[in-house]
Structures are given as structure tokens and as C-alpha cells.
Amino acid sequence: MTELIEQRYCIEFCQKLDDSQSQVIRKIQQVFGEDAMGITQIKEWFNRFKDDRTLVESEQRCGRPQTARSAANVERV
């Protein structure tokens, strides 16, 4: 998760330097290699920062949690 946030900071920085979307995609892929976020995600974050978004953290969403595994649940099974 921290690496994703680091990439978002990089996207925000490049966007503020007036780099194009394609330049940002190339830079992120060059720096992070296989661990780079997908092109669609890069474009989405680029546009969010272009629209004056200031937070790099994802917004809270409702719905099912990523995992329901806990020590108590494991013991019950």
C-alpha cells in the first residue's frame, strides 16, 4: 500500500510540473517497473490531481471489507 501512495505522490509531482499523461505513465513504469500501478489507475490519479485534488489516500468506500479473516473467525472454524 505504501508503494501505491508513493506512486501517487510521484504522479501529483509530475502533474504539477505540467508533464503530460503519457510522460507520467512512462516515468512511473520506468521507476517502479513491474510494481507500477496500471495505466488506467495512473490516468485516474493524474486527472484527480489535475482537478485540484490534494489527498493521495483513497477515499473511504462502503461495502464488503477486503478481508474478514481474524483470529476469532479462524478459531470458530
N, C-alpha and C. Protein backbone atom coordinates (compact mmCIF):
# COMPACT_ATOMS: atom_id res chain seq x y z
N MET A 1 0.82 -1.20 0.00
CA MET A 1 0.00 0.00 0.00
C MET A 1 0.87 1.26 0.00
N THR A 2 1.96 1.24 0.75
CA THR A 2 2.82 2.42 0.80
C THR A 2 3.41 2.73 -0.56
N GLU A 3 3.71 1.69 -1.33
CA GLU A 3 4.28 1.93 -2.66
C GLU A 3 3.26 2.60 -3.57
N LEU A 4 1.98 2.25 -3.43
CA LEU A 4 0.94 2.91 -4.22
C LEU A 4 0.84 4.38 -3.86
N ILE A 5 0.93 4.68 -2.58
CA ILE A 5 0.86 6.08 -2.15
C ILE A 5 2.08 6.83 -2.67
N GLU A 6 3.24 6.19 -2.64
CA GLU A 6 4.46 6.81 -3.19
C GLU A 6 4.28 7.13 -4.67
N GLN A 7 3.67 6.21 -5.41
CA GLN A 7 3.42 6.44 -6.83
C GLN A 7 2.45 7.60 -7.03
N ARG A 8 1.46 7.70 -6.16
CA ARG A 8 0.50 8.80 -6.27
C ARG A 8 1.19 10.15 -6.04
N TYR A 9 2.12 10.20 -5.08
CA TYR A 9 2.89 11.43 -4.87
C TYR A 9 3.70 11.77 -6.11
N CYS A 10 4.27 10.75 -6.74
CA CYS A 10 5.05 10.97 -7.97
C CYS A 10 4.16 11.50 -9.09
N ILE A 11 2.96 10.94 -9.21
CA ILE A 11 2.02 11.40 -10.23
C ILE A 11 1.64 12.86 -9.97
N GLU A 12 1.35 13.17 -8.71
CA GLU A 12 0.98 14.55 -8.36
C GLU A 12 2.13 15.51 -8.68
N PHE A 13 3.35 15.12 -8.33
CA PHE A 13 4.52 15.95 -8.58
C PHE A 13 4.70 16.21 -10.08
N CYS A 14 4.64 15.14 -10.87
CA CYS A 14 4.81 15.28 -12.32
C CYS A 14 3.70 16.12 -12.94
N GLN A 15 2.48 15.95 -12.44
CA GLN A 15 1.35 16.72 -12.96
C GLN A 15 1.55 18.21 -12.67
N LYS A 16 2.08 18.53 -11.48
CA LYS A 16 2.32 19.93 -11.14
C LYS A 16 3.45 20.53 -11.97
N LEU A 17 4.32 19.67 -12.51
CA LEU A 17 5.39 20.14 -13.40
C LEU A 17 4.90 20.25 -14.84
N ASP A 18 3.60 20.05 -15.04
CA ASP A 18 2.95 20.11 -16.36
C ASP A 18 3.40 19.01 -17.31
N ASP A 19 3.79 17.85 -16.75
CA ASP A 19 4.07 16.69 -17.60
C ASP A 19 2.75 16.18 -18.17
N SER A 20 2.77 15.63 -19.36
CA SER A 20 1.56 15.06 -19.95
C SER A 20 1.28 13.70 -19.31
N GLN A 21 0.07 13.21 -19.53
CA GLN A 21 -0.29 11.88 -19.01
C GLN A 21 0.66 10.82 -19.51
N SER A 22 0.97 10.83 -20.79
CA SER A 22 1.85 9.80 -21.36
C SER A 22 3.26 9.90 -20.78
N GLN A 23 3.74 11.11 -20.49
CA GLN A 23 5.05 11.26 -19.86
C GLN A 23 5.04 10.68 -18.45
N VAL A 24 3.96 10.93 -17.72
CA VAL A 24 3.84 10.43 -16.35
C VAL A 24 3.79 8.90 -16.37
N ILE A 25 3.02 8.33 -17.28
CA ILE A 25 2.92 6.87 -17.38
C ILE A 25 4.31 6.27 -17.62
N ARG A 26 5.04 6.83 -18.57
CA ARG A 26 6.39 6.32 -18.87
C ARG A 26 7.31 6.42 -17.66
N LYS A 27 7.25 7.54 -16.96
CA LYS A 27 8.12 7.74 -15.79
C LYS A 27 7.79 6.75 -14.67
N ILE A 28 6.50 6.59 -14.39
CA ILE A 28 6.08 5.67 -13.33
C ILE A 28 6.52 4.25 -13.68
N GLN A 29 6.30 3.83 -14.91
CA GLN A 29 6.69 2.49 -15.33
C GLN A 29 8.21 2.31 -15.30
N GLN A 30 8.94 3.34 -15.66
CA GLN A 30 10.40 3.27 -15.66
C GLN A 30 10.94 3.15 -14.24
N VAL A 31 10.38 3.92 -13.33
CA VAL A 31 10.88 3.93 -11.95
C VAL A 31 10.44 2.70 -11.16
N PHE A 32 9.16 2.31 -11.29
CA PHE A 32 8.62 1.24 -10.45
C PHE A 32 8.60 -0.13 -11.13
N GLY A 33 8.84 -0.18 -12.42
CA GLY A 33 8.92 -1.45 -13.14
C GLY A 33 7.65 -2.27 -13.00
N GLU A 34 7.80 -3.54 -12.63
CA GLU A 34 6.66 -4.45 -12.51
C GLU A 34 5.71 -4.05 -11.39
N ASP A 35 6.21 -3.27 -10.44
CA ASP A 35 5.37 -2.85 -9.31
C ASP A 35 4.57 -1.58 -9.61
N ALA A 36 4.69 -1.07 -10.82
CA ALA A 36 3.96 0.15 -11.19
C ALA A 36 2.46 -0.13 -11.24
N MET A 37 1.67 0.85 -10.82
CA MET A 37 0.22 0.71 -10.93
C MET A 37 -0.16 0.68 -12.40
N GLY A 38 -1.36 0.23 -12.70
CA GLY A 38 -1.82 0.11 -14.07
C GLY A 38 -2.01 1.46 -14.74
N ILE A 39 -2.00 1.44 -16.06
CA ILE A 39 -2.15 2.67 -16.84
C ILE A 39 -3.46 3.39 -16.50
N THR A 40 -4.54 2.63 -16.38
CA THR A 40 -5.84 3.23 -16.06
C THR A 40 -5.79 3.95 -14.71
N GLN A 41 -5.16 3.32 -13.71
CA GLN A 41 -5.04 3.95 -12.40
C GLN A 41 -4.21 5.22 -12.48
N ILE A 42 -3.12 5.17 -13.23
CA ILE A 42 -2.27 6.35 -13.36
C ILE A 42 -3.07 7.49 -13.98
N LYS A 43 -3.85 7.18 -15.03
CA LYS A 43 -4.66 8.21 -15.68
C LYS A 43 -5.70 8.78 -14.73
N GLU A 44 -6.35 7.90 -13.94
CA GLU A 44 -7.37 8.36 -12.99
C GLU A 44 -6.76 9.31 -11.95
N TRP A 45 -5.62 8.93 -11.37
CA TRP A 45 -4.98 9.77 -10.37
C TRP A 45 -4.46 11.06 -10.99
N PHE A 46 -3.93 10.98 -12.20
CA PHE A 46 -3.47 12.18 -12.91
C PHE A 46 -4.62 13.18 -13.04
N ASN A 47 -5.78 12.70 -13.46
CA ASN A 47 -6.95 13.57 -13.64
C ASN A 47 -7.46 14.11 -12.31
N ARG A 48 -7.39 13.30 -11.25
CA ARG A 48 -7.82 13.78 -9.94
C ARG A 48 -6.94 14.95 -9.49
N PHE A 49 -5.63 14.80 -9.66
CA PHE A 49 -4.72 15.88 -9.27
C PHE A 49 -4.88 17.09 -10.17
N LYS A 50 -5.19 16.85 -11.43
CA LYS A 50 -5.42 17.95 -12.37
C LYS A 50 -6.65 18.76 -11.96
N ASP A 51 -7.64 18.06 -11.36
CA ASP A 51 -8.86 18.70 -10.88
C ASP A 51 -8.70 19.24 -9.46
N ASP A 52 -7.45 19.48 -9.04
CA ASP A 52 -7.12 20.08 -7.74
C ASP A 52 -7.33 19.19 -6.53
N ARG A 53 -7.29 17.90 -6.70
CA ARG A 53 -7.34 17.01 -5.54
C ARG A 53 -6.02 17.14 -4.80
N THR A 54 -6.07 17.13 -3.47
CA THR A 54 -4.85 17.31 -2.69
C THR A 54 -4.46 16.07 -1.89
N LEU A 55 -5.38 15.16 -1.65
CA LEU A 55 -5.09 13.96 -0.87
C LEU A 55 -4.64 12.82 -1.76
N VAL A 56 -3.62 12.07 -1.31
CA VAL A 56 -3.16 10.91 -2.09
C VAL A 56 -3.78 9.61 -1.58
N GLU A 57 -4.41 9.66 -0.41
CA GLU A 57 -5.05 8.47 0.13
C GLU A 57 -6.39 8.24 -0.57
N SER A 58 -6.77 6.98 -0.67
CA SER A 58 -8.07 6.64 -1.26
C SER A 58 -9.17 7.07 -0.30
N GLU A 59 -10.31 7.40 -0.86
CA GLU A 59 -11.45 7.78 -0.03
C GLU A 59 -12.11 6.53 0.53
N GLN A 60 -12.72 6.67 1.71
CA GLN A 60 -13.46 5.58 2.33
C GLN A 60 -14.60 5.16 1.43
N ARG A 61 -14.78 3.86 1.29
CA ARG A 61 -15.90 3.36 0.50
C ARG A 61 -16.70 2.38 1.35
N CYS A 62 -17.99 2.34 1.11
CA CYS A 62 -18.81 1.38 1.82
C CYS A 62 -18.77 0.06 1.05
N GLY A 63 -19.22 -0.97 1.70
CA GLY A 63 -19.23 -2.27 1.03
C GLY A 63 -18.48 -3.30 1.84
N ARG A 64 -18.27 -4.42 1.23
CA ARG A 64 -17.61 -5.54 1.88
C ARG A 64 -16.14 -5.21 2.15
N PRO A 65 -15.66 -5.56 3.36
CA PRO A 65 -14.25 -5.31 3.64
C PRO A 65 -13.36 -6.22 2.81
N GLN A 66 -12.09 -5.83 2.65
CA GLN A 66 -11.18 -6.63 1.85
C GLN A 66 -11.02 -8.03 2.41
N THR A 67 -11.00 -8.15 3.71
CA THR A 67 -10.86 -9.46 4.32
C THR A 67 -11.69 -9.53 5.59
N ALA A 68 -12.20 -10.70 5.85
CA ALA A 68 -12.97 -10.92 7.06
C ALA A 68 -12.24 -11.90 7.96
N ARG A 69 -10.97 -12.16 7.66
CA ARG A 69 -10.19 -13.12 8.42
C ARG A 69 -9.65 -12.46 9.68
N SER A 70 -9.93 -13.08 10.80
CA SER A 70 -9.39 -12.62 12.07
C SER A 70 -9.14 -13.85 12.93
N ALA A 71 -8.41 -13.67 14.00
CA ALA A 71 -8.10 -14.80 14.88
C ALA A 71 -9.38 -15.43 15.43
N ALA A 72 -10.35 -14.59 15.77
CA ALA A 72 -11.62 -15.11 16.30
C ALA A 72 -12.36 -15.94 15.26
N ASN A 73 -12.40 -15.48 14.02
CA ASN A 73 -13.08 -16.23 12.96
C ASN A 73 -12.37 -17.54 12.66
N VAL A 74 -11.06 -17.54 12.69
CA VAL A 74 -10.29 -18.76 12.42
C VAL A 74 -10.57 -19.80 13.49
N GLU A 75 -10.64 -19.37 14.75
CA GLU A 75 -10.92 -20.31 15.84
C GLU A 75 -12.32 -20.90 15.73
N ARG A 76 -13.29 -20.12 15.29
CA ARG A 76 -14.65 -20.61 15.14
C ARG A 76 -14.74 -21.73 14.12
N VAL A 77 -13.96 -21.64 13.08
CA VAL A 77 -13.99 -22.64 12.01
C VAL A 77 -13.24 -23.84 12.51
